[in-house]
């Protein structure tokens, strides 16, 4: 049967403080497994030191889960960056609903192959196949755009970005952070918060429509 498969690993995990990155990685995985428990068939499981895999209920949940993961990283000012493969692929063995081990299938093999291919790319997000088929190419284009916004944010800007993502009103953000309202508005524009949210919505809308 086909299932939405999500795999991810840490970008440049060998070039930084590995203990810090692995701890952050575990925190992200634990947060998602708890929050999205109802939408996860087989929990996100760290299979190697810097990689996880999991089986999700549907592709919409898979996309939302990735969005949440990225925003958790921003909200908590984590230094980690992840690359993701989302694949609506074949799993031939029974699904392990307790831990994402001991499962086989072309969908898992293909996802892992592409996760390795992403290491030579600046792109951090790829959808190999979705349950609608013809939407995959467009969704990949949107994920490329989505990733460009996130990767343009500096770690020092994460707190400000997180405030904008919680409340779109720049005046509230200015009050919360003790900033000048005019400069806060300019930062809202320069950080492309509206475009970021629009891209997320387009991915989810396209997934539903076609």
N, C-alpha and C. Protein backbone atom coordinates (compact mmCIF):
# COMPACT_ATOMS: atom_id res chain seq x y z
N UNK A 1 0.84 -1.20 0.00
CA UNK A 1 0.00 0.00 0.00
C UNK A 1 0.87 1.25 0.00
N UNK A 2 0.27 2.36 -0.44
CA UNK A 2 0.98 3.64 -0.44
C UNK A 2 0.67 4.43 0.83
N UNK A 3 1.69 5.05 1.35
CA UNK A 3 1.55 5.88 2.54
C UNK A 3 2.41 7.14 2.39
N UNK A 4 2.02 8.22 3.03
CA UNK A 4 2.89 9.40 3.08
C UNK A 4 4.09 9.13 3.99
N UNK A 5 5.27 9.17 3.41
CA UNK A 5 6.51 8.91 4.14
C UNK A 5 7.24 10.24 4.33
N UNK A 6 7.69 10.49 5.54
CA UNK A 6 8.48 11.69 5.80
C UNK A 6 9.84 11.28 6.34
N UNK A 7 10.88 11.74 5.66
CA UNK A 7 12.25 11.56 6.14
C UNK A 7 12.93 12.91 6.21
N UNK A 8 13.86 13.04 7.12
CA UNK A 8 14.62 14.29 7.24
C UNK A 8 15.95 14.00 7.90
N UNK A 9 16.92 14.86 7.64
CA UNK A 9 18.18 14.79 8.35
C UNK A 9 18.71 16.20 8.60
N UNK A 10 19.78 16.28 9.37
CA UNK A 10 20.35 17.57 9.75
C UNK A 10 21.32 18.03 8.67
N UNK A 11 21.18 19.27 8.25
CA UNK A 11 22.09 19.86 7.28
C UNK A 11 23.43 20.14 7.96
N UNK A 12 24.52 19.70 7.32
CA UNK A 12 25.89 19.95 7.83
C UNK A 12 26.05 19.53 9.28
N UNK A 13 25.56 18.35 9.62
CA UNK A 13 25.60 17.91 11.01
C UNK A 13 27.02 17.67 11.53
N UNK A 14 27.96 17.48 10.62
CA UNK A 14 29.34 17.19 11.05
C UNK A 14 30.20 18.44 11.18
N UNK A 15 29.63 19.60 10.81
CA UNK A 15 30.42 20.82 10.80
C UNK A 15 30.16 21.71 12.01
N UNK A 16 29.28 21.31 12.89
CA UNK A 16 28.91 22.16 14.02
C UNK A 16 29.02 21.38 15.32
N UNK A 17 28.53 21.99 16.40
CA UNK A 17 28.50 21.33 17.70
C UNK A 17 27.49 20.18 17.63
N UNK A 18 27.98 18.98 17.47
CA UNK A 18 27.11 17.83 17.22
C UNK A 18 26.19 17.53 18.41
N UNK A 19 26.71 17.67 19.62
CA UNK A 19 25.88 17.42 20.80
C UNK A 19 24.69 18.36 20.84
N UNK A 20 24.94 19.65 20.56
CA UNK A 20 23.87 20.64 20.54
C UNK A 20 22.84 20.30 19.47
N UNK A 21 23.32 19.99 18.26
CA UNK A 21 22.39 19.71 17.15
C UNK A 21 21.54 18.47 17.43
N UNK A 22 22.15 17.43 17.95
CA UNK A 22 21.39 16.20 18.23
C UNK A 22 20.34 16.44 19.31
N UNK A 23 20.68 17.22 20.33
CA UNK A 23 19.70 17.55 21.37
C UNK A 23 18.54 18.36 20.79
N UNK A 24 18.86 19.34 19.94
CA UNK A 24 17.81 20.11 19.28
C UNK A 24 16.96 19.21 18.39
N UNK A 25 17.60 18.30 17.68
CA UNK A 25 16.92 17.36 16.79
C UNK A 25 15.91 16.52 17.57
N UNK A 26 16.34 16.00 18.71
CA UNK A 26 15.45 15.20 19.55
C UNK A 26 14.28 16.03 20.06
N UNK A 27 14.54 17.28 20.43
CA UNK A 27 13.47 18.15 20.91
C UNK A 27 12.42 18.40 19.83
N UNK A 28 12.88 18.62 18.60
CA UNK A 28 11.96 18.85 17.48
C UNK A 28 11.11 17.60 17.23
N UNK A 29 11.76 16.45 17.19
CA UNK A 29 11.05 15.19 16.95
C UNK A 29 10.03 14.91 18.05
N UNK A 30 10.41 15.10 19.29
CA UNK A 30 9.49 14.86 20.42
C UNK A 30 8.29 15.81 20.36
N UNK A 31 8.54 17.07 20.04
CA UNK A 31 7.46 18.05 19.93
C UNK A 31 6.45 17.63 18.87
N UNK A 32 6.93 17.25 17.70
CA UNK A 32 6.03 16.88 16.60
C UNK A 32 5.28 15.59 16.92
N UNK A 33 5.95 14.61 17.45
CA UNK A 33 5.28 13.34 17.79
C UNK A 33 4.16 13.56 18.80
N UNK A 34 4.36 14.46 19.74
CA UNK A 34 3.32 14.75 20.74
C UNK A 34 2.17 15.56 20.15
N UNK A 35 2.51 16.61 19.42
CA UNK A 35 1.47 17.49 18.89
C UNK A 35 0.65 16.81 17.80
N UNK A 36 1.31 16.02 16.96
CA UNK A 36 0.65 15.44 15.79
C UNK A 36 0.35 13.96 15.95
N UNK A 37 0.25 13.50 17.17
CA UNK A 37 0.05 12.08 17.44
C UNK A 37 -1.14 11.50 16.67
N UNK A 38 -2.22 12.25 16.58
CA UNK A 38 -3.43 11.75 15.91
C UNK A 38 -3.26 11.62 14.40
N UNK A 39 -2.26 12.30 13.84
CA UNK A 39 -2.06 12.30 12.39
C UNK A 39 -0.85 11.48 11.96
N UNK A 40 -0.19 10.85 12.91
CA UNK A 40 1.00 10.06 12.62
C UNK A 40 0.69 8.58 12.77
N UNK A 41 0.93 7.81 11.71
CA UNK A 41 0.67 6.37 11.74
C UNK A 41 1.82 5.64 12.43
N UNK A 42 3.04 5.99 12.04
CA UNK A 42 4.24 5.45 12.68
C UNK A 42 5.09 6.63 13.10
N UNK A 43 5.40 6.76 14.39
CA UNK A 43 6.01 7.99 14.90
C UNK A 43 7.36 8.30 14.27
N UNK A 44 7.66 9.60 14.20
CA UNK A 44 8.97 10.01 13.74
C UNK A 44 10.01 9.37 14.64
N UNK A 45 10.92 8.63 14.02
CA UNK A 45 11.90 7.86 14.77
C UNK A 45 13.29 8.18 14.25
N UNK A 46 14.19 8.51 15.15
CA UNK A 46 15.57 8.80 14.75
C UNK A 46 16.25 7.46 14.46
N UNK A 47 16.51 7.22 13.17
CA UNK A 47 17.06 5.93 12.74
C UNK A 47 18.58 5.94 12.74
N UNK A 48 19.16 7.09 12.48
CA UNK A 48 20.60 7.31 12.60
C UNK A 48 20.77 8.50 13.54
N UNK A 49 21.99 8.87 13.82
CA UNK A 49 22.18 9.99 14.73
C UNK A 49 21.57 11.28 14.25
N UNK A 50 21.52 11.47 12.92
CA UNK A 50 21.05 12.76 12.40
C UNK A 50 19.94 12.61 11.37
N UNK A 51 19.16 11.53 11.46
CA UNK A 51 18.10 11.29 10.47
C UNK A 51 16.88 10.69 11.15
N UNK A 52 15.67 11.06 10.68
CA UNK A 52 14.46 10.41 11.17
C UNK A 52 13.57 10.00 10.01
N UNK A 53 12.67 9.08 10.29
CA UNK A 53 11.63 8.72 9.33
C UNK A 53 10.35 8.45 10.09
N UNK A 54 9.23 8.64 9.40
CA UNK A 54 7.93 8.39 9.99
C UNK A 54 6.89 8.23 8.90
N UNK A 55 5.74 7.68 9.26
CA UNK A 55 4.63 7.48 8.32
C UNK A 55 3.46 8.34 8.80
N UNK A 56 2.93 9.16 7.89
CA UNK A 56 1.91 10.14 8.25
C UNK A 56 0.56 9.71 7.66
N UNK A 57 -0.51 10.20 8.24
CA UNK A 57 -1.87 9.80 7.83
C UNK A 57 -2.20 10.22 6.40
N UNK A 58 -1.87 11.45 6.04
CA UNK A 58 -2.18 11.96 4.70
C UNK A 58 -1.17 13.05 4.35
N UNK A 59 -1.12 13.43 3.06
CA UNK A 59 -0.11 14.39 2.61
C UNK A 59 -0.35 15.77 3.20
N UNK A 60 -1.61 16.15 3.39
CA UNK A 60 -1.89 17.46 4.00
C UNK A 60 -1.25 17.54 5.40
N UNK A 61 -1.45 16.50 6.18
CA UNK A 61 -0.84 16.47 7.52
C UNK A 61 0.68 16.47 7.43
N UNK A 62 1.22 15.80 6.43
CA UNK A 62 2.66 15.76 6.23
C UNK A 62 3.21 17.17 6.00
N UNK A 63 2.55 17.94 5.13
CA UNK A 63 2.98 19.31 4.85
C UNK A 63 2.86 20.18 6.10
N UNK A 64 1.72 20.07 6.79
CA UNK A 64 1.51 20.89 7.98
C UNK A 64 2.53 20.55 9.07
N UNK A 65 2.87 19.28 9.16
CA UNK A 65 3.84 18.83 10.14
C UNK A 65 5.21 19.46 9.87
N UNK A 66 5.60 19.50 8.59
CA UNK A 66 6.87 20.13 8.21
C UNK A 66 6.84 21.63 8.54
N UNK A 67 5.72 22.29 8.24
CA UNK A 67 5.60 23.72 8.57
C UNK A 67 5.77 23.93 10.07
N UNK A 68 5.11 23.10 10.86
CA UNK A 68 5.19 23.21 12.32
C UNK A 68 6.62 22.98 12.82
N UNK A 69 7.29 22.03 12.20
CA UNK A 69 8.66 21.73 12.60
C UNK A 69 9.56 22.93 12.38
N UNK A 70 9.42 23.55 11.21
CA UNK A 70 10.24 24.72 10.90
C UNK A 70 9.91 25.90 11.82
N UNK A 71 8.64 26.08 12.14
CA UNK A 71 8.26 27.20 13.01
C UNK A 71 8.64 26.94 14.47
N UNK A 72 8.68 25.68 14.88
CA UNK A 72 9.18 25.34 16.22
C UNK A 72 10.66 25.70 16.33
N UNK A 73 11.41 25.44 15.28
CA UNK A 73 12.84 25.79 15.25
C UNK A 73 13.01 27.29 15.38
N UNK A 74 12.19 28.05 14.64
CA UNK A 74 12.27 29.51 14.70
C UNK A 74 11.85 30.02 16.07
N UNK A 75 10.72 29.53 16.56
CA UNK A 75 10.19 30.00 17.85
C UNK A 75 11.18 29.80 18.99
N UNK A 76 11.92 28.71 18.92
CA UNK A 76 12.85 28.37 20.00
C UNK A 76 14.30 28.76 19.68
N UNK A 77 14.46 29.52 18.58
CA UNK A 77 15.79 30.01 18.17
C UNK A 77 16.83 28.89 18.15
N UNK A 78 16.46 27.77 17.53
CA UNK A 78 17.39 26.64 17.42
C UNK A 78 18.34 26.87 16.25
N UNK A 79 19.54 26.35 16.36
CA UNK A 79 20.53 26.54 15.31
C UNK A 79 20.43 25.47 14.22
N UNK A 80 19.62 24.47 14.44
CA UNK A 80 19.51 23.33 13.54
C UNK A 80 18.78 23.71 12.24
N UNK A 81 19.20 23.08 11.14
CA UNK A 81 18.46 23.15 9.88
C UNK A 81 18.28 21.73 9.37
N UNK A 82 17.09 21.45 8.84
CA UNK A 82 16.77 20.11 8.37
C UNK A 82 16.48 20.12 6.88
N UNK A 83 16.76 18.99 6.23
CA UNK A 83 16.33 18.79 4.85
C UNK A 83 15.30 17.66 4.86
N UNK A 84 14.25 17.79 4.03
CA UNK A 84 13.09 16.91 4.11
C UNK A 84 12.79 16.24 2.77
N UNK A 85 12.37 14.98 2.84
CA UNK A 85 11.80 14.28 1.70
C UNK A 85 10.40 13.83 2.10
N UNK A 86 9.41 14.20 1.27
CA UNK A 86 8.02 13.79 1.47
C UNK A 86 7.62 12.93 0.28
N UNK A 87 7.20 11.70 0.54
CA UNK A 87 6.95 10.77 -0.56
C UNK A 87 5.71 9.93 -0.28
N UNK A 88 4.76 9.99 -1.20
CA UNK A 88 3.58 9.11 -1.12
C UNK A 88 3.97 7.81 -1.82
N UNK A 89 4.59 6.91 -1.03
CA UNK A 89 5.21 5.73 -1.64
C UNK A 89 4.74 4.42 -1.06
N UNK A 90 5.23 3.35 -1.69
CA UNK A 90 4.80 1.99 -1.34
C UNK A 90 5.59 1.45 -0.15
N UNK A 91 4.86 0.92 0.82
CA UNK A 91 5.46 0.16 1.92
C UNK A 91 4.87 -1.25 1.85
N UNK A 92 5.72 -2.23 1.71
CA UNK A 92 5.27 -3.60 1.45
C UNK A 92 5.04 -4.41 2.72
N UNK A 93 5.73 -4.04 3.79
CA UNK A 93 5.60 -4.78 5.05
C UNK A 93 4.55 -4.12 5.94
N UNK A 94 4.09 -4.82 6.97
CA UNK A 94 3.13 -4.21 7.90
C UNK A 94 3.72 -2.95 8.54
N UNK A 95 2.86 -1.98 8.81
CA UNK A 95 3.29 -0.73 9.43
C UNK A 95 3.52 -0.95 10.92
N UNK A 96 4.69 -0.56 11.37
CA UNK A 96 5.00 -0.61 12.81
C UNK A 96 4.46 0.69 13.42
N UNK A 97 3.42 0.59 14.20
CA UNK A 97 2.75 1.78 14.73
C UNK A 97 3.38 2.30 16.03
N UNK A 98 4.39 1.62 16.51
CA UNK A 98 5.04 2.03 17.75
C UNK A 98 6.38 2.72 17.51
N UNK A 99 7.06 2.31 16.45
CA UNK A 99 8.37 2.87 16.14
C UNK A 99 8.63 2.63 14.65
N UNK A 100 9.24 3.59 13.98
CA UNK A 100 9.41 3.49 12.52
C UNK A 100 10.64 2.65 12.16
N UNK A 101 10.62 1.40 12.58
CA UNK A 101 11.66 0.43 12.26
C UNK A 101 11.04 -0.78 11.57
N UNK A 102 11.88 -1.59 10.96
CA UNK A 102 11.50 -2.90 10.43
C UNK A 102 10.37 -2.81 9.42
N UNK A 103 10.43 -1.78 8.57
CA UNK A 103 9.48 -1.65 7.46
C UNK A 103 10.26 -1.56 6.16
N UNK A 104 9.74 -2.18 5.12
CA UNK A 104 10.42 -2.21 3.83
C UNK A 104 9.46 -1.82 2.71
N UNK A 105 10.01 -1.27 1.64
CA UNK A 105 9.19 -0.90 0.50
C UNK A 105 9.91 0.10 -0.38
N UNK A 106 9.51 0.15 -1.64
CA UNK A 106 10.15 1.04 -2.59
C UNK A 106 10.02 2.51 -2.18
N UNK A 107 8.91 2.86 -1.53
CA UNK A 107 8.70 4.24 -1.10
C UNK A 107 9.75 4.69 -0.11
N UNK A 108 10.12 3.80 0.82
CA UNK A 108 11.15 4.12 1.81
C UNK A 108 12.53 4.18 1.16
N UNK A 109 12.80 3.23 0.26
CA UNK A 109 14.10 3.21 -0.43
C UNK A 109 14.28 4.47 -1.27
N UNK A 110 13.24 4.83 -1.99
CA UNK A 110 13.30 6.03 -2.84
C UNK A 110 13.50 7.29 -2.00
N UNK A 111 12.78 7.38 -0.89
CA UNK A 111 12.90 8.56 -0.02
C UNK A 111 14.33 8.70 0.50
N UNK A 112 14.93 7.60 0.91
CA UNK A 112 16.30 7.67 1.45
C UNK A 112 17.30 8.04 0.36
N UNK A 113 17.10 7.53 -0.84
CA UNK A 113 18.00 7.87 -1.95
C UNK A 113 17.96 9.37 -2.23
N UNK A 114 16.76 9.95 -2.23
CA UNK A 114 16.64 11.37 -2.52
C UNK A 114 17.11 12.24 -1.37
N UNK A 115 17.01 11.71 -0.15
CA UNK A 115 17.53 12.45 0.99
C UNK A 115 19.05 12.62 0.84
N UNK A 116 19.71 11.58 0.35
CA UNK A 116 21.15 11.67 0.10
C UNK A 116 21.45 12.62 -1.05
N UNK A 117 20.59 12.62 -2.08
CA UNK A 117 20.81 13.52 -3.23
C UNK A 117 20.66 14.98 -2.82
N UNK A 118 19.78 15.25 -1.86
CA UNK A 118 19.58 16.63 -1.42
C UNK A 118 20.83 17.23 -0.78
N UNK A 119 21.74 16.38 -0.33
CA UNK A 119 22.95 16.86 0.34
C UNK A 119 23.82 17.69 -0.59
N UNK A 120 23.68 17.48 -1.90
CA UNK A 120 24.45 18.26 -2.86
C UNK A 120 23.63 19.40 -3.46
N UNK A 121 22.48 19.69 -2.84
CA UNK A 121 21.59 20.74 -3.32
C UNK A 121 21.39 21.79 -2.24
N UNK A 122 21.09 23.00 -2.66
CA UNK A 122 20.76 24.06 -1.70
C UNK A 122 19.30 23.98 -1.26
N UNK A 123 18.52 23.17 -1.96
CA UNK A 123 17.11 22.99 -1.62
C UNK A 123 16.97 22.05 -0.43
N UNK A 124 16.11 22.38 0.52
CA UNK A 124 15.93 21.55 1.72
C UNK A 124 14.62 20.76 1.72
N UNK A 125 13.79 20.95 0.69
CA UNK A 125 12.46 20.33 0.68
C UNK A 125 12.20 19.70 -0.68
N UNK A 126 11.74 18.45 -0.68
CA UNK A 126 11.34 17.82 -1.94
C UNK A 126 10.16 16.88 -1.71
N UNK A 127 9.21 16.95 -2.62
CA UNK A 127 8.07 16.03 -2.65
C UNK A 127 8.27 15.12 -3.85
N UNK A 128 8.45 13.83 -3.60
CA UNK A 128 8.70 12.89 -4.70
C UNK A 128 7.40 12.49 -5.38
N UNK A 129 6.39 12.26 -4.58
CA UNK A 129 5.09 11.87 -5.12
C UNK A 129 4.03 12.25 -4.10
N UNK A 130 2.88 12.71 -4.59
CA UNK A 130 1.77 12.97 -3.69
C UNK A 130 0.57 12.15 -4.14
N UNK A 131 -0.48 12.15 -3.37
CA UNK A 131 -1.62 11.31 -3.70
C UNK A 131 -2.48 11.89 -4.81
N UNK A 132 -2.09 13.05 -5.35
CA UNK A 132 -2.82 13.64 -6.48
C UNK A 132 -2.04 13.52 -7.78
N UNK A 133 -0.78 13.09 -7.69
CA UNK A 133 0.02 12.86 -8.88
C UNK A 133 0.49 14.11 -9.59
N UNK A 134 -0.41 14.76 -10.32
CA UNK A 134 -0.02 15.86 -11.20
C UNK A 134 0.33 17.15 -10.46
N UNK A 135 0.07 17.23 -9.17
CA UNK A 135 0.37 18.46 -8.44
C UNK A 135 1.80 18.50 -7.92
N UNK A 136 2.51 17.39 -8.00
CA UNK A 136 3.82 17.29 -7.36
C UNK A 136 4.80 18.36 -7.82
N UNK A 137 4.90 18.58 -9.13
CA UNK A 137 5.87 19.55 -9.65
C UNK A 137 5.58 20.96 -9.14
N UNK A 138 4.31 21.34 -9.12
CA UNK A 138 3.94 22.69 -8.66
C UNK A 138 4.21 22.84 -7.17
N UNK A 139 3.88 21.82 -6.40
CA UNK A 139 4.12 21.87 -4.96
C UNK A 139 5.62 21.97 -4.67
N UNK A 140 6.43 21.29 -5.47
CA UNK A 140 7.87 21.41 -5.29
C UNK A 140 8.35 22.83 -5.57
N UNK A 141 7.79 23.47 -6.58
CA UNK A 141 8.14 24.87 -6.86
C UNK A 141 7.78 25.76 -5.68
N UNK A 142 6.62 25.50 -5.09
CA UNK A 142 6.18 26.30 -3.94
C UNK A 142 7.06 26.04 -2.71
N UNK A 143 7.49 24.78 -2.53
CA UNK A 143 8.38 24.49 -1.42
C UNK A 143 9.75 25.14 -1.61
N UNK A 144 10.18 25.27 -2.86
CA UNK A 144 11.44 25.97 -3.13
C UNK A 144 11.32 27.43 -2.69
N UNK A 145 10.17 28.03 -3.01
CA UNK A 145 9.92 29.41 -2.61
C UNK A 145 9.79 29.51 -1.08
N UNK A 146 9.05 28.59 -0.50
CA UNK A 146 8.87 28.54 0.96
C UNK A 146 10.23 28.48 1.67
N UNK A 147 11.10 27.59 1.19
CA UNK A 147 12.41 27.43 1.81
C UNK A 147 13.28 28.66 1.67
N UNK A 148 13.11 29.39 0.55
CA UNK A 148 13.94 30.59 0.34
C UNK A 148 13.63 31.66 1.37
N UNK A 149 12.37 31.76 1.79
CA UNK A 149 12.01 32.74 2.83
C UNK A 149 12.63 32.35 4.16
N UNK A 150 12.47 31.09 4.54
CA UNK A 150 13.00 30.63 5.83
C UNK A 150 14.51 30.80 5.88
N UNK A 151 15.18 30.41 4.82
CA UNK A 151 16.64 30.44 4.82
C UNK A 151 17.20 31.85 4.71
N UNK A 152 16.35 32.81 4.41
CA UNK A 152 16.80 34.21 4.40
C UNK A 152 16.80 34.81 5.80
N UNK A 153 16.12 34.14 6.75
CA UNK A 153 16.06 34.64 8.12
C UNK A 153 17.31 34.25 8.88
N UNK A 154 17.92 35.21 9.55
CA UNK A 154 19.08 34.94 10.39
C UNK A 154 18.63 34.47 11.77
N UNK A 155 19.50 33.74 12.44
CA UNK A 155 19.18 33.25 13.78
C UNK A 155 18.84 34.41 14.71
N UNK A 156 19.51 35.53 14.54
CA UNK A 156 19.27 36.71 15.37
C UNK A 156 17.90 37.34 15.11
N UNK A 157 17.25 36.95 14.01
CA UNK A 157 15.93 37.49 13.65
C UNK A 157 14.79 36.56 14.04
N UNK A 158 15.11 35.38 14.55
CA UNK A 158 14.09 34.37 14.81
C UNK A 158 13.03 34.85 15.80
N UNK A 159 13.44 35.56 16.85
CA UNK A 159 12.46 36.02 17.84
C UNK A 159 11.44 36.96 17.19
N UNK A 160 11.93 37.87 16.36
CA UNK A 160 11.04 38.80 15.67
C UNK A 160 10.13 38.06 14.70
N UNK A 161 10.69 37.15 13.93
CA UNK A 161 9.89 36.36 12.99
C UNK A 161 8.81 35.59 13.73
N UNK A 162 9.18 34.98 14.85
CA UNK A 162 8.23 34.19 15.63
C UNK A 162 7.06 35.05 16.11
N UNK A 163 7.35 36.28 16.53
CA UNK A 163 6.28 37.19 16.96
C UNK A 163 5.35 37.51 15.79
N UNK A 164 5.92 37.74 14.62
CA UNK A 164 5.10 38.03 13.45
C UNK A 164 4.21 36.84 13.08
N UNK A 165 4.75 35.63 13.24
CA UNK A 165 3.98 34.44 12.88
C UNK A 165 2.85 34.18 13.88
N UNK A 166 3.00 34.69 15.11
CA UNK A 166 1.94 34.54 16.11
C UNK A 166 0.85 35.59 15.94
N UNK A 167 1.23 36.78 15.52
CA UNK A 167 0.28 37.89 15.41
C UNK A 167 0.69 38.77 14.24
N UNK A 168 -0.17 38.88 13.23
CA UNK A 168 0.17 39.62 12.02
C UNK A 168 0.23 41.13 12.24
N UNK A 169 -0.38 41.62 13.32
CA UNK A 169 -0.42 43.06 13.56
C UNK A 169 0.95 43.55 14.02
N UNK A 170 1.60 44.32 13.19
CA UNK A 170 2.96 44.78 13.51
C UNK A 170 2.98 45.68 14.74
N UNK A 171 1.87 46.35 15.02
CA UNK A 171 1.82 47.23 16.21
C UNK A 171 1.88 46.41 17.48
N UNK A 172 1.22 45.25 17.49
CA UNK A 172 1.28 44.36 18.66
C UNK A 172 2.70 43.83 18.83
N UNK A 173 3.31 43.45 17.71
CA UNK A 173 4.68 42.94 17.76
C UNK A 173 5.62 44.02 18.29
N UNK A 174 5.44 45.24 17.83
CA UNK A 174 6.28 46.36 18.30
C UNK A 174 6.15 46.54 19.80
N UNK A 175 4.92 46.48 20.31
CA UNK A 175 4.70 46.62 21.76
C UNK A 175 5.33 45.46 22.53
N UNK A 176 5.19 44.25 21.98
CA UNK A 176 5.72 43.07 22.67
C UNK A 176 7.24 43.11 22.80
N UNK A 177 7.89 43.66 21.76
CA UNK A 177 9.35 43.66 21.73
C UNK A 177 9.96 45.02 22.05
N UNK A 178 9.10 46.00 22.36
CA UNK A 178 9.60 47.33 22.68
C UNK A 178 10.29 48.00 21.51
N UNK A 179 9.71 47.83 20.31
CA UNK A 179 10.31 48.37 19.09
C UNK A 179 9.49 49.55 18.57
N UNK A 180 10.12 50.37 17.76
CA UNK A 180 9.43 51.44 17.08
C UNK A 180 8.47 50.86 16.05
N UNK A 181 7.25 51.39 15.98
CA UNK A 181 6.23 50.82 15.10
C UNK A 181 6.61 50.92 13.62
N UNK A 182 7.20 52.03 13.24
CA UNK A 182 7.59 52.19 11.83
C UNK A 182 8.67 51.20 11.42
N UNK A 183 9.67 51.04 12.28
CA UNK A 183 10.74 50.10 11.96
C UNK A 183 10.23 48.66 12.00
N UNK A 184 9.26 48.38 12.87
CA UNK A 184 8.67 47.04 12.94
C UNK A 184 7.93 46.72 11.65
N UNK A 185 7.20 47.71 11.13
CA UNK A 185 6.50 47.51 9.86
C UNK A 185 7.48 47.24 8.72
N UNK A 186 8.59 47.98 8.71
CA UNK A 186 9.59 47.77 7.67
C UNK A 186 10.21 46.37 7.77
N UNK A 187 10.41 45.90 9.00
CA UNK A 187 10.95 44.56 9.19
C UNK A 187 9.95 43.49 8.76
N UNK A 188 8.68 43.74 9.01
CA UNK A 188 7.63 42.80 8.55
C UNK A 188 7.71 42.63 7.04
N UNK A 189 7.90 43.75 6.34
CA UNK A 189 7.97 43.71 4.88
C UNK A 189 9.26 43.04 4.41
N UNK A 190 10.39 43.41 5.03
CA UNK A 190 11.69 42.90 4.56
C UNK A 190 11.88 41.42 4.86
N UNK A 191 11.20 40.93 5.89
CA UNK A 191 11.28 39.51 6.23
C UNK A 191 10.31 38.65 5.41
N UNK A 192 9.49 39.29 4.60
CA UNK A 192 8.56 38.59 3.69
C UNK A 192 7.61 37.66 4.44
N UNK A 193 7.08 38.14 5.56
CA UNK A 193 6.17 37.32 6.37
C UNK A 193 4.88 37.01 5.60
N UNK A 194 4.32 38.01 4.93
CA UNK A 194 3.09 37.79 4.17
C UNK A 194 3.31 36.77 3.07
N UNK A 195 4.42 36.90 2.35
CA UNK A 195 4.71 35.97 1.26
C UNK A 195 4.94 34.55 1.78
N UNK A 196 5.60 34.46 2.93
CA UNK A 196 5.82 33.16 3.56
C UNK A 196 4.49 32.47 3.87
N UNK A 197 3.60 33.19 4.53
CA UNK A 197 2.29 32.62 4.87
C UNK A 197 1.47 32.28 3.63
N UNK A 198 1.56 33.13 2.62
CA UNK A 198 0.84 32.88 1.37
C UNK A 198 1.32 31.60 0.71
N UNK A 199 2.62 31.39 0.71
CA UNK A 199 3.19 30.18 0.09
C UNK A 199 2.73 28.92 0.82
N UNK A 200 2.73 28.95 2.14
CA UNK A 200 2.20 27.83 2.93
C UNK A 200 0.75 27.53 2.55
N UNK A 201 -0.06 28.58 2.49
CA UNK A 201 -1.48 28.41 2.18
C UNK A 201 -1.69 27.87 0.77
N UNK A 202 -0.85 28.30 -0.16
CA UNK A 202 -0.96 27.81 -1.54
C UNK A 202 -0.65 26.32 -1.63
N UNK A 203 0.35 25.87 -0.88
CA UNK A 203 0.67 24.43 -0.87
C UNK A 203 -0.51 23.62 -0.37
N UNK A 204 -1.13 24.07 0.71
CA UNK A 204 -2.26 23.34 1.29
C UNK A 204 -3.50 23.43 0.41
N UNK A 205 -3.71 24.59 -0.19
CA UNK A 205 -4.88 24.76 -1.07
C UNK A 205 -4.75 23.92 -2.32
N UNK A 206 -3.57 23.91 -2.91
CA UNK A 206 -3.34 23.13 -4.11
C UNK A 206 -3.52 21.65 -3.83
N UNK A 207 -3.05 21.20 -2.69
CA UNK A 207 -3.20 19.80 -2.31
C UNK A 207 -4.68 19.40 -2.21
N UNK A 208 -5.52 20.34 -1.76
CA UNK A 208 -6.95 20.03 -1.63
C UNK A 208 -7.70 20.12 -2.96
N UNK A 209 -7.28 21.04 -3.81
CA UNK A 209 -8.06 21.34 -5.00
C UNK A 209 -7.92 20.32 -6.12
N UNK A 210 -6.70 19.83 -6.35
CA UNK A 210 -6.47 18.98 -7.53
C UNK A 210 -6.40 17.52 -7.19
